[in-house]
N, C-alpha and C. Protein backbone atom coordinates (compact mmCIF):
# COMPACT_ATOMS: atom_id res chain seq x y z
N MET A 1 -31.77 50.69 6.67
CA MET A 1 -31.19 50.18 5.47
C MET A 1 -29.72 49.79 5.65
N ALA A 2 -29.04 50.54 6.49
CA ALA A 2 -27.62 50.27 6.72
C ALA A 2 -27.44 48.89 7.34
N SER A 3 -28.35 48.47 8.19
CA SER A 3 -28.22 47.16 8.83
C SER A 3 -28.43 46.03 7.82
N ASN A 4 -29.29 46.23 6.81
CA ASN A 4 -29.52 45.22 5.78
C ASN A 4 -28.27 45.04 4.92
N SER A 5 -27.62 46.15 4.54
CA SER A 5 -26.41 46.05 3.73
C SER A 5 -25.25 45.49 4.56
N ASP A 6 -25.22 45.82 5.89
CA ASP A 6 -24.20 45.24 6.76
C ASP A 6 -24.40 43.72 6.87
N ALA A 7 -25.65 43.29 6.94
CA ALA A 7 -25.96 41.86 7.03
C ALA A 7 -25.54 41.15 5.74
N LYS A 8 -25.79 41.77 4.57
CA LYS A 8 -25.40 41.18 3.29
C LYS A 8 -23.88 41.09 3.19
N LEU A 9 -23.19 42.15 3.64
CA LEU A 9 -21.73 42.16 3.61
C LEU A 9 -21.17 41.09 4.54
N SER A 10 -21.76 40.97 5.72
CA SER A 10 -21.35 39.95 6.69
C SER A 10 -21.58 38.55 6.13
N THR A 11 -22.72 38.34 5.49
CA THR A 11 -23.02 37.04 4.88
C THR A 11 -22.05 36.73 3.74
N ALA A 12 -21.74 37.71 2.93
CA ALA A 12 -20.80 37.52 1.82
C ALA A 12 -19.42 37.14 2.35
N ARG A 13 -18.98 37.80 3.42
CA ARG A 13 -17.68 37.47 4.03
C ARG A 13 -17.69 36.04 4.58
N LEU A 14 -18.79 35.67 5.23
CA LEU A 14 -18.91 34.32 5.79
C LEU A 14 -18.86 33.27 4.68
N VAL A 15 -19.59 33.50 3.60
CA VAL A 15 -19.60 32.57 2.47
C VAL A 15 -18.20 32.47 1.87
N THR A 16 -17.51 33.59 1.75
CA THR A 16 -16.16 33.59 1.20
C THR A 16 -15.22 32.79 2.10
N ARG A 17 -15.30 33.02 3.41
CA ARG A 17 -14.44 32.30 4.35
C ARG A 17 -14.74 30.80 4.32
N LEU A 18 -16.03 30.45 4.30
CA LEU A 18 -16.39 29.03 4.24
C LEU A 18 -15.90 28.39 2.94
N GLY A 19 -15.99 29.14 1.85
CA GLY A 19 -15.48 28.64 0.57
C GLY A 19 -13.98 28.39 0.63
N LEU A 20 -13.25 29.30 1.27
CA LEU A 20 -11.81 29.12 1.43
C LEU A 20 -11.49 27.90 2.31
N VAL A 21 -12.30 27.68 3.33
CA VAL A 21 -12.11 26.51 4.19
C VAL A 21 -12.33 25.23 3.38
N VAL A 22 -13.35 25.20 2.55
CA VAL A 22 -13.62 24.03 1.72
C VAL A 22 -12.46 23.78 0.76
N VAL A 23 -11.96 24.81 0.12
CA VAL A 23 -10.83 24.68 -0.81
C VAL A 23 -9.59 24.19 -0.05
N ALA A 24 -9.35 24.74 1.14
CA ALA A 24 -8.19 24.31 1.94
C ALA A 24 -8.33 22.85 2.35
N MET A 25 -9.53 22.43 2.74
CA MET A 25 -9.74 21.03 3.13
C MET A 25 -9.53 20.10 1.95
N PHE A 26 -10.03 20.47 0.78
CA PHE A 26 -9.83 19.66 -0.41
C PHE A 26 -8.33 19.57 -0.74
N GLY A 27 -7.64 20.70 -0.68
CA GLY A 27 -6.21 20.72 -0.96
C GLY A 27 -5.44 19.84 0.00
N PHE A 28 -5.79 19.91 1.29
CA PHE A 28 -5.13 19.09 2.29
C PHE A 28 -5.37 17.61 2.01
N GLY A 29 -6.60 17.24 1.71
CA GLY A 29 -6.92 15.85 1.39
C GLY A 29 -6.19 15.37 0.15
N TYR A 30 -6.10 16.22 -0.85
CA TYR A 30 -5.43 15.88 -2.11
C TYR A 30 -3.93 15.67 -1.89
N LEU A 31 -3.33 16.50 -1.03
CA LEU A 31 -1.89 16.43 -0.80
C LEU A 31 -1.49 15.44 0.29
N MET A 32 -2.45 14.83 0.96
CA MET A 32 -2.15 13.97 2.09
C MET A 32 -1.29 12.77 1.71
N VAL A 33 -1.58 12.10 0.60
CA VAL A 33 -0.80 10.93 0.21
C VAL A 33 0.64 11.30 -0.12
N PRO A 34 0.90 12.33 -0.95
CA PRO A 34 2.30 12.69 -1.20
C PRO A 34 3.04 13.13 0.07
N ILE A 35 2.35 13.85 0.95
CA ILE A 35 2.98 14.28 2.20
C ILE A 35 3.31 13.05 3.05
N TYR A 36 2.40 12.10 3.11
CA TYR A 36 2.62 10.87 3.86
C TYR A 36 3.82 10.10 3.30
N ASP A 37 3.90 9.99 1.97
CA ASP A 37 5.02 9.29 1.34
C ASP A 37 6.36 9.95 1.69
N VAL A 38 6.41 11.27 1.62
CA VAL A 38 7.64 11.99 1.96
C VAL A 38 7.99 11.77 3.43
N PHE A 39 6.99 11.86 4.30
CA PHE A 39 7.21 11.65 5.73
C PHE A 39 7.78 10.26 5.98
N CYS A 40 7.21 9.23 5.35
CA CYS A 40 7.68 7.86 5.55
C CYS A 40 9.08 7.67 4.98
N ASP A 41 9.37 8.31 3.84
CA ASP A 41 10.71 8.21 3.27
C ASP A 41 11.76 8.83 4.18
N ILE A 42 11.42 9.96 4.78
CA ILE A 42 12.37 10.67 5.65
C ILE A 42 12.58 9.92 6.96
N THR A 43 11.48 9.48 7.58
CA THR A 43 11.57 8.89 8.92
C THR A 43 11.75 7.38 8.91
N GLY A 44 11.37 6.71 7.82
CA GLY A 44 11.42 5.26 7.78
C GLY A 44 10.32 4.61 8.60
N LEU A 45 9.32 5.38 8.98
CA LEU A 45 8.22 4.86 9.79
C LEU A 45 7.19 4.13 8.94
N ASN A 46 6.35 3.36 9.60
CA ASN A 46 5.18 2.71 9.05
C ASN A 46 5.48 1.52 8.15
N GLY A 47 6.70 1.08 8.07
CA GLY A 47 6.99 -0.15 7.36
C GLY A 47 6.74 -0.10 5.87
N LYS A 48 6.69 1.10 5.29
CA LYS A 48 6.48 1.17 3.84
C LYS A 48 7.69 0.59 3.13
N THR A 49 7.40 -0.26 2.17
CA THR A 49 8.48 -0.84 1.39
C THR A 49 8.64 -0.04 0.11
N SER A 50 9.79 -0.16 -0.49
CA SER A 50 9.97 0.54 -1.76
C SER A 50 9.30 -0.29 -2.86
N ASN A 51 8.92 0.36 -3.91
CA ASN A 51 8.33 -0.34 -5.04
C ASN A 51 9.36 -0.53 -6.15
N GLU A 52 10.60 -0.72 -5.75
CA GLU A 52 11.68 -0.95 -6.69
C GLU A 52 12.03 -2.43 -6.70
N VAL A 53 12.37 -2.92 -7.87
CA VAL A 53 12.77 -4.31 -7.99
C VAL A 53 14.15 -4.47 -7.38
N ALA A 54 14.32 -5.49 -6.54
CA ALA A 54 15.60 -5.74 -5.89
C ALA A 54 16.37 -6.82 -6.66
N VAL A 55 17.67 -6.83 -6.48
CA VAL A 55 18.52 -7.86 -7.07
C VAL A 55 18.88 -8.84 -5.97
N ALA A 56 18.67 -10.12 -6.23
CA ALA A 56 18.90 -11.15 -5.22
C ALA A 56 20.38 -11.25 -4.87
N PRO A 57 20.70 -11.44 -3.58
CA PRO A 57 22.10 -11.58 -3.18
C PRO A 57 22.66 -12.94 -3.61
N VAL A 58 23.95 -13.02 -3.64
CA VAL A 58 24.62 -14.26 -4.01
C VAL A 58 24.76 -15.17 -2.80
N ILE A 59 24.90 -14.60 -1.62
CA ILE A 59 25.18 -15.37 -0.40
C ILE A 59 23.90 -15.60 0.39
N VAL A 60 23.68 -16.86 0.79
CA VAL A 60 22.55 -17.23 1.64
C VAL A 60 23.12 -17.55 3.02
N ASP A 61 22.55 -16.93 4.05
CA ASP A 61 22.99 -17.15 5.42
C ASP A 61 22.20 -18.32 6.01
N THR A 62 22.77 -19.53 5.90
CA THR A 62 22.08 -20.73 6.38
C THR A 62 22.21 -20.92 7.89
N SER A 63 22.94 -20.02 8.55
CA SER A 63 23.12 -20.16 10.00
C SER A 63 21.91 -19.65 10.79
N ARG A 64 20.98 -18.99 10.12
CA ARG A 64 19.79 -18.51 10.84
C ARG A 64 18.56 -18.57 9.95
N THR A 65 17.42 -18.55 10.61
CA THR A 65 16.13 -18.62 9.93
C THR A 65 15.26 -17.46 10.38
N VAL A 66 14.52 -16.90 9.44
CA VAL A 66 13.58 -15.81 9.71
C VAL A 66 12.20 -16.30 9.29
N THR A 67 11.21 -16.07 10.13
CA THR A 67 9.83 -16.42 9.79
C THR A 67 9.16 -15.20 9.17
N VAL A 68 8.64 -15.38 7.97
CA VAL A 68 7.92 -14.31 7.28
C VAL A 68 6.45 -14.69 7.26
N GLU A 69 5.63 -13.84 7.85
CA GLU A 69 4.17 -14.05 7.85
C GLU A 69 3.56 -13.18 6.77
N PHE A 70 2.49 -13.67 6.17
CA PHE A 70 1.83 -12.98 5.07
C PHE A 70 0.41 -12.61 5.48
N ASP A 71 0.04 -11.38 5.21
CA ASP A 71 -1.25 -10.86 5.62
C ASP A 71 -1.89 -10.14 4.44
N SER A 72 -3.21 -10.09 4.44
CA SER A 72 -3.92 -9.39 3.36
C SER A 72 -5.15 -8.70 3.93
N THR A 73 -5.38 -7.48 3.49
CA THR A 73 -6.58 -6.74 3.87
C THR A 73 -7.09 -6.01 2.64
N LEU A 74 -8.34 -5.64 2.73
CA LEU A 74 -8.98 -4.90 1.64
C LEU A 74 -9.47 -3.57 2.18
N ASN A 75 -9.31 -2.53 1.37
CA ASN A 75 -9.93 -1.26 1.70
C ASN A 75 -11.43 -1.50 1.69
N GLU A 76 -12.17 -0.77 2.52
CA GLU A 76 -13.61 -1.01 2.65
C GLU A 76 -14.37 -0.94 1.33
N ALA A 77 -13.83 -0.23 0.33
CA ALA A 77 -14.53 -0.10 -0.95
C ALA A 77 -14.31 -1.31 -1.87
N MET A 78 -13.32 -2.15 -1.54
CA MET A 78 -13.00 -3.28 -2.41
C MET A 78 -13.96 -4.44 -2.18
N GLN A 79 -14.52 -4.93 -3.26
CA GLN A 79 -15.41 -6.09 -3.21
C GLN A 79 -14.69 -7.29 -3.83
N TRP A 80 -13.53 -7.57 -3.32
CA TRP A 80 -12.72 -8.69 -3.77
C TRP A 80 -12.51 -9.65 -2.61
N ASP A 81 -12.17 -10.90 -2.95
CA ASP A 81 -11.62 -11.84 -2.00
C ASP A 81 -10.11 -11.77 -2.21
N PHE A 82 -9.35 -11.77 -1.13
CA PHE A 82 -7.90 -11.59 -1.24
C PHE A 82 -7.22 -12.24 -0.05
N GLN A 83 -6.37 -13.26 -0.33
CA GLN A 83 -5.63 -13.91 0.75
C GLN A 83 -4.39 -14.61 0.20
N PRO A 84 -3.38 -14.76 1.06
CA PRO A 84 -2.18 -15.49 0.64
C PRO A 84 -2.46 -16.99 0.65
N ASP A 85 -1.79 -17.73 -0.23
CA ASP A 85 -1.93 -19.19 -0.23
C ASP A 85 -1.18 -19.81 0.94
N VAL A 86 -0.17 -19.11 1.47
CA VAL A 86 0.63 -19.57 2.61
C VAL A 86 0.60 -18.45 3.65
N ARG A 87 0.33 -18.79 4.90
CA ARG A 87 0.27 -17.78 5.97
C ARG A 87 1.64 -17.42 6.53
N LYS A 88 2.57 -18.38 6.57
CA LYS A 88 3.92 -18.07 7.02
C LYS A 88 4.91 -19.04 6.41
N LEU A 89 6.16 -18.59 6.37
CA LEU A 89 7.21 -19.33 5.70
C LEU A 89 8.52 -19.06 6.43
N SER A 90 9.32 -20.09 6.63
CA SER A 90 10.66 -19.93 7.22
C SER A 90 11.66 -19.81 6.08
N VAL A 91 12.50 -18.79 6.15
CA VAL A 91 13.49 -18.55 5.10
C VAL A 91 14.85 -18.26 5.74
N HIS A 92 15.90 -18.56 4.99
CA HIS A 92 17.24 -18.15 5.37
C HIS A 92 17.49 -16.79 4.73
N PRO A 93 18.09 -15.84 5.43
CA PRO A 93 18.41 -14.56 4.79
C PRO A 93 19.23 -14.78 3.51
N GLY A 94 18.81 -14.12 2.45
CA GLY A 94 19.45 -14.26 1.15
C GLY A 94 18.79 -15.29 0.25
N GLU A 95 17.95 -16.15 0.81
CA GLU A 95 17.26 -17.19 0.06
C GLU A 95 16.05 -16.58 -0.67
N VAL A 96 15.95 -16.83 -1.95
CA VAL A 96 14.85 -16.30 -2.76
C VAL A 96 13.66 -17.25 -2.67
N LYS A 97 12.50 -16.69 -2.35
CA LYS A 97 11.26 -17.48 -2.23
C LYS A 97 10.15 -16.79 -3.02
N THR A 98 9.17 -17.59 -3.44
CA THR A 98 7.99 -17.06 -4.12
C THR A 98 6.75 -17.59 -3.40
N VAL A 99 5.84 -16.68 -3.10
CA VAL A 99 4.54 -17.03 -2.55
C VAL A 99 3.48 -16.42 -3.45
N THR A 100 2.28 -16.96 -3.39
CA THR A 100 1.21 -16.41 -4.22
C THR A 100 0.06 -15.94 -3.34
N TYR A 101 -0.59 -14.91 -3.84
CA TYR A 101 -1.82 -14.41 -3.25
C TYR A 101 -2.94 -14.70 -4.24
N ARG A 102 -4.07 -15.10 -3.72
CA ARG A 102 -5.24 -15.40 -4.54
C ARG A 102 -6.22 -14.24 -4.41
N VAL A 103 -6.70 -13.76 -5.56
CA VAL A 103 -7.63 -12.63 -5.55
C VAL A 103 -8.79 -12.94 -6.49
N ARG A 104 -10.00 -12.53 -6.09
CA ARG A 104 -11.18 -12.74 -6.92
C ARG A 104 -12.07 -11.51 -6.81
N ASN A 105 -12.53 -11.05 -7.97
CA ASN A 105 -13.44 -9.90 -8.04
C ASN A 105 -14.87 -10.41 -7.87
N ARG A 106 -15.56 -9.96 -6.81
CA ARG A 106 -16.95 -10.35 -6.56
C ARG A 106 -17.94 -9.41 -7.22
N MET A 107 -17.44 -8.36 -7.88
CA MET A 107 -18.32 -7.36 -8.49
C MET A 107 -18.84 -7.83 -9.86
N ALA A 108 -19.89 -7.18 -10.33
CA ALA A 108 -20.47 -7.50 -11.63
C ALA A 108 -19.81 -6.70 -12.75
N GLN A 109 -18.76 -5.94 -12.43
CA GLN A 109 -18.03 -5.20 -13.44
C GLN A 109 -16.53 -5.27 -13.14
N ALA A 110 -15.73 -4.88 -14.14
CA ALA A 110 -14.27 -4.87 -13.96
C ALA A 110 -13.89 -3.83 -12.91
N VAL A 111 -12.86 -4.16 -12.14
CA VAL A 111 -12.37 -3.27 -11.10
C VAL A 111 -10.84 -3.21 -11.20
N ASP A 112 -10.29 -1.99 -11.08
CA ASP A 112 -8.85 -1.79 -11.02
C ASP A 112 -8.45 -1.69 -9.56
N GLY A 113 -7.43 -2.44 -9.18
CA GLY A 113 -6.95 -2.42 -7.80
C GLY A 113 -5.47 -2.15 -7.73
N GLN A 114 -5.05 -1.55 -6.63
CA GLN A 114 -3.63 -1.32 -6.38
C GLN A 114 -3.32 -1.82 -4.97
N ALA A 115 -2.33 -2.69 -4.86
CA ALA A 115 -1.92 -3.22 -3.57
C ALA A 115 -0.80 -2.35 -3.00
N ILE A 116 -0.94 -2.00 -1.73
CA ILE A 116 0.08 -1.22 -1.04
C ILE A 116 0.70 -2.13 0.03
N PRO A 117 2.03 -2.37 -0.07
CA PRO A 117 2.68 -3.26 0.89
C PRO A 117 3.15 -2.51 2.13
N SER A 118 3.27 -3.25 3.21
CA SER A 118 3.94 -2.74 4.40
C SER A 118 4.58 -3.93 5.12
N VAL A 119 5.59 -3.63 5.91
CA VAL A 119 6.32 -4.66 6.63
C VAL A 119 6.38 -4.28 8.10
N ALA A 120 6.16 -5.26 8.96
CA ALA A 120 6.30 -5.06 10.40
C ALA A 120 7.33 -6.04 10.91
N PRO A 121 8.19 -5.66 11.82
CA PRO A 121 8.30 -4.32 12.38
C PRO A 121 8.81 -3.33 11.33
N GLY A 122 8.43 -2.08 11.51
CA GLY A 122 8.73 -1.05 10.52
C GLY A 122 10.21 -0.92 10.18
N GLY A 123 11.07 -1.10 11.16
CA GLY A 123 12.51 -0.98 10.91
C GLY A 123 13.06 -2.09 10.02
N ALA A 124 12.30 -3.15 9.83
CA ALA A 124 12.76 -4.28 9.01
C ALA A 124 12.36 -4.12 7.54
N ALA A 125 11.57 -3.10 7.23
CA ALA A 125 11.07 -2.93 5.87
C ALA A 125 12.18 -2.85 4.83
N GLU A 126 13.27 -2.21 5.18
CA GLU A 126 14.36 -2.06 4.21
C GLU A 126 15.09 -3.37 3.94
N TYR A 127 14.85 -4.40 4.76
CA TYR A 127 15.54 -5.67 4.59
C TYR A 127 14.72 -6.72 3.85
N LEU A 128 13.44 -6.46 3.62
CA LEU A 128 12.63 -7.38 2.84
C LEU A 128 12.60 -6.85 1.42
N LYS A 129 13.21 -7.58 0.51
CA LYS A 129 13.39 -7.12 -0.87
C LYS A 129 12.53 -7.95 -1.80
N LYS A 130 11.77 -7.28 -2.66
CA LYS A 130 10.92 -7.97 -3.62
C LYS A 130 11.55 -7.87 -5.01
N THR A 131 11.69 -9.03 -5.68
CA THR A 131 12.20 -9.04 -7.04
C THR A 131 11.06 -9.08 -8.06
N GLU A 132 9.91 -9.55 -7.62
CA GLU A 132 8.69 -9.57 -8.45
C GLU A 132 7.52 -9.39 -7.50
N CYS A 133 6.57 -8.52 -7.88
CA CYS A 133 5.43 -8.30 -6.99
C CYS A 133 4.26 -7.71 -7.76
N PHE A 134 3.08 -8.21 -7.47
CA PHE A 134 1.86 -7.67 -8.07
C PHE A 134 1.62 -6.24 -7.61
N CYS A 135 2.29 -5.82 -6.55
CA CYS A 135 2.12 -4.46 -6.04
C CYS A 135 2.84 -3.42 -6.90
N PHE A 136 3.70 -3.86 -7.83
CA PHE A 136 4.42 -2.93 -8.68
C PHE A 136 3.51 -2.27 -9.72
N THR A 137 2.38 -2.91 -10.03
CA THR A 137 1.47 -2.36 -11.04
C THR A 137 0.02 -2.51 -10.57
N GLN A 138 -0.86 -1.75 -11.20
CA GLN A 138 -2.28 -1.89 -10.91
C GLN A 138 -2.77 -3.21 -11.50
N GLN A 139 -3.73 -3.81 -10.82
CA GLN A 139 -4.31 -5.07 -11.26
C GLN A 139 -5.76 -4.83 -11.67
N THR A 140 -6.13 -5.30 -12.85
CA THR A 140 -7.51 -5.20 -13.31
C THR A 140 -8.11 -6.60 -13.34
N LEU A 141 -9.24 -6.74 -12.65
CA LEU A 141 -9.96 -8.01 -12.66
C LEU A 141 -11.34 -7.78 -13.24
N ASN A 142 -11.70 -8.59 -14.21
CA ASN A 142 -13.04 -8.52 -14.78
C ASN A 142 -14.05 -9.11 -13.79
N ALA A 143 -15.32 -8.93 -14.06
CA ALA A 143 -16.38 -9.43 -13.18
C ALA A 143 -16.18 -10.93 -12.94
N GLY A 144 -16.10 -11.33 -11.67
CA GLY A 144 -15.96 -12.73 -11.30
C GLY A 144 -14.59 -13.34 -11.55
N GLU A 145 -13.65 -12.59 -12.10
CA GLU A 145 -12.33 -13.13 -12.43
C GLU A 145 -11.51 -13.42 -11.18
N GLU A 146 -10.73 -14.49 -11.25
CA GLU A 146 -9.83 -14.87 -10.17
C GLU A 146 -8.42 -14.98 -10.71
N LYS A 147 -7.44 -14.55 -9.92
CA LYS A 147 -6.03 -14.61 -10.33
C LYS A 147 -5.17 -15.10 -9.17
N LEU A 148 -4.07 -15.73 -9.54
CA LEU A 148 -2.98 -16.00 -8.61
C LEU A 148 -1.90 -14.97 -8.90
N MET A 149 -1.47 -14.27 -7.85
CA MET A 149 -0.49 -13.20 -8.03
C MET A 149 0.76 -13.53 -7.22
N PRO A 150 1.91 -13.69 -7.90
CA PRO A 150 3.14 -14.06 -7.18
C PRO A 150 3.87 -12.86 -6.57
N VAL A 151 4.59 -13.17 -5.50
CA VAL A 151 5.53 -12.24 -4.88
C VAL A 151 6.82 -13.03 -4.71
N THR A 152 7.88 -12.58 -5.35
CA THR A 152 9.19 -13.20 -5.20
C THR A 152 10.04 -12.25 -4.37
N PHE A 153 10.63 -12.77 -3.31
CA PHE A 153 11.32 -11.90 -2.36
C PHE A 153 12.49 -12.63 -1.71
N PHE A 154 13.29 -11.86 -1.00
CA PHE A 154 14.31 -12.42 -0.12
C PHE A 154 14.49 -11.45 1.05
N VAL A 155 15.00 -12.00 2.14
CA VAL A 155 15.34 -11.19 3.31
C VAL A 155 16.83 -10.90 3.21
N ASP A 156 17.18 -9.63 3.23
CA ASP A 156 18.57 -9.21 3.12
C ASP A 156 19.38 -9.82 4.26
N PRO A 157 20.53 -10.43 3.95
CA PRO A 157 21.38 -11.00 5.00
C PRO A 157 21.84 -9.97 6.04
N GLU A 158 21.74 -8.69 5.72
CA GLU A 158 22.11 -7.63 6.66
C GLU A 158 21.04 -7.38 7.72
N LEU A 159 19.92 -8.11 7.66
CA LEU A 159 18.87 -7.98 8.67
C LEU A 159 19.48 -8.17 10.05
N PRO A 160 19.22 -7.24 10.99
CA PRO A 160 19.76 -7.41 12.34
C PRO A 160 19.37 -8.78 12.93
N ALA A 161 20.30 -9.39 13.63
CA ALA A 161 20.12 -10.74 14.16
C ALA A 161 18.96 -10.84 15.15
N ASP A 162 18.61 -9.75 15.82
CA ASP A 162 17.53 -9.81 16.81
C ASP A 162 16.14 -9.83 16.17
N ILE A 163 16.06 -9.62 14.86
CA ILE A 163 14.76 -9.67 14.18
C ILE A 163 14.61 -11.06 13.58
N ARG A 164 13.67 -11.83 14.11
CA ARG A 164 13.46 -13.20 13.65
C ARG A 164 12.10 -13.40 12.99
N TYR A 165 11.23 -12.39 13.10
CA TYR A 165 9.88 -12.46 12.52
C TYR A 165 9.59 -11.19 11.74
N LEU A 166 9.05 -11.37 10.54
CA LEU A 166 8.61 -10.25 9.71
C LEU A 166 7.18 -10.53 9.28
N THR A 167 6.40 -9.49 9.10
CA THR A 167 5.07 -9.64 8.52
C THR A 167 5.00 -8.78 7.27
N LEU A 168 4.71 -9.40 6.15
CA LEU A 168 4.50 -8.69 4.89
C LEU A 168 3.00 -8.61 4.69
N SER A 169 2.50 -7.40 4.68
CA SER A 169 1.07 -7.18 4.58
C SER A 169 0.75 -6.34 3.35
N TYR A 170 -0.34 -6.69 2.69
CA TYR A 170 -0.81 -5.92 1.54
C TYR A 170 -2.24 -5.46 1.80
N THR A 171 -2.51 -4.23 1.44
CA THR A 171 -3.88 -3.72 1.45
C THR A 171 -4.22 -3.34 0.01
N PHE A 172 -5.32 -3.88 -0.49
CA PHE A 172 -5.77 -3.57 -1.85
C PHE A 172 -6.77 -2.42 -1.80
N PHE A 173 -6.58 -1.45 -2.70
CA PHE A 173 -7.46 -0.29 -2.83
C PHE A 173 -8.10 -0.28 -4.20
N ASP A 174 -9.36 0.14 -4.27
CA ASP A 174 -10.07 0.30 -5.54
C ASP A 174 -9.60 1.61 -6.17
N VAL A 175 -8.94 1.51 -7.32
CA VAL A 175 -8.46 2.70 -8.03
C VAL A 175 -9.11 2.83 -9.39
N THR A 176 -10.29 2.23 -9.54
CA THR A 176 -10.99 2.23 -10.83
C THR A 176 -11.21 3.65 -11.34
N LYS A 177 -11.72 4.54 -10.49
CA LYS A 177 -11.98 5.91 -10.91
C LYS A 177 -10.69 6.63 -11.27
N VAL A 178 -9.64 6.41 -10.50
CA VAL A 178 -8.35 7.03 -10.78
C VAL A 178 -7.79 6.49 -12.10
N ALA A 179 -7.88 5.18 -12.29
CA ALA A 179 -7.36 4.56 -13.52
C ALA A 179 -8.13 5.04 -14.74
N SER A 180 -9.45 5.19 -14.63
CA SER A 180 -10.23 5.63 -15.79
C SER A 180 -9.96 7.09 -16.13
N ASN A 181 -9.54 7.89 -15.17
CA ASN A 181 -9.24 9.29 -15.43
C ASN A 181 -7.89 9.46 -16.11
N THR A 182 -7.01 8.46 -16.06
CA THR A 182 -5.70 8.57 -16.68
C THR A 182 -5.68 8.05 -18.10
N HIS A 183 -6.77 7.44 -18.54
CA HIS A 183 -6.80 6.88 -19.91
C HIS A 183 -7.33 7.89 -20.89
């Protein structure tokens, strides 16, 4: 009889430990995005741009040109079409430009999306300033709906002279479940 109760006690301990592992894994997954944001803010890695509106500079540096390339990707869960209308653009630092991205919902229901920007090379992220961007807010597209979404930006004249190419990339994520939980 002692071995049966030892087996039950051992099983109970195992179930408790496995339950704690599951809770720890969930907690780690839940905290991963805030931890990642803090890490990127501290180190400046990964080309994360700020989601703050920038104020355009008064001075345009016409002595040099920077090529800005535009890229778009979708998280695997997104059933949208998403691409920039222009693939690359030459700009003078300080010059304000607007480009548009075209997006279409291929789903049979409304979907909430959030675009996350990044800039390559990562060290140049602080020099690409957005004054207007669809990434500042969540975007809701009804079934089959198509939108043109503008991005107004400038390259800070303080951009190091050795950086002549930037890539502004957006990845759209489906946040429908998250958005419906906040209403």
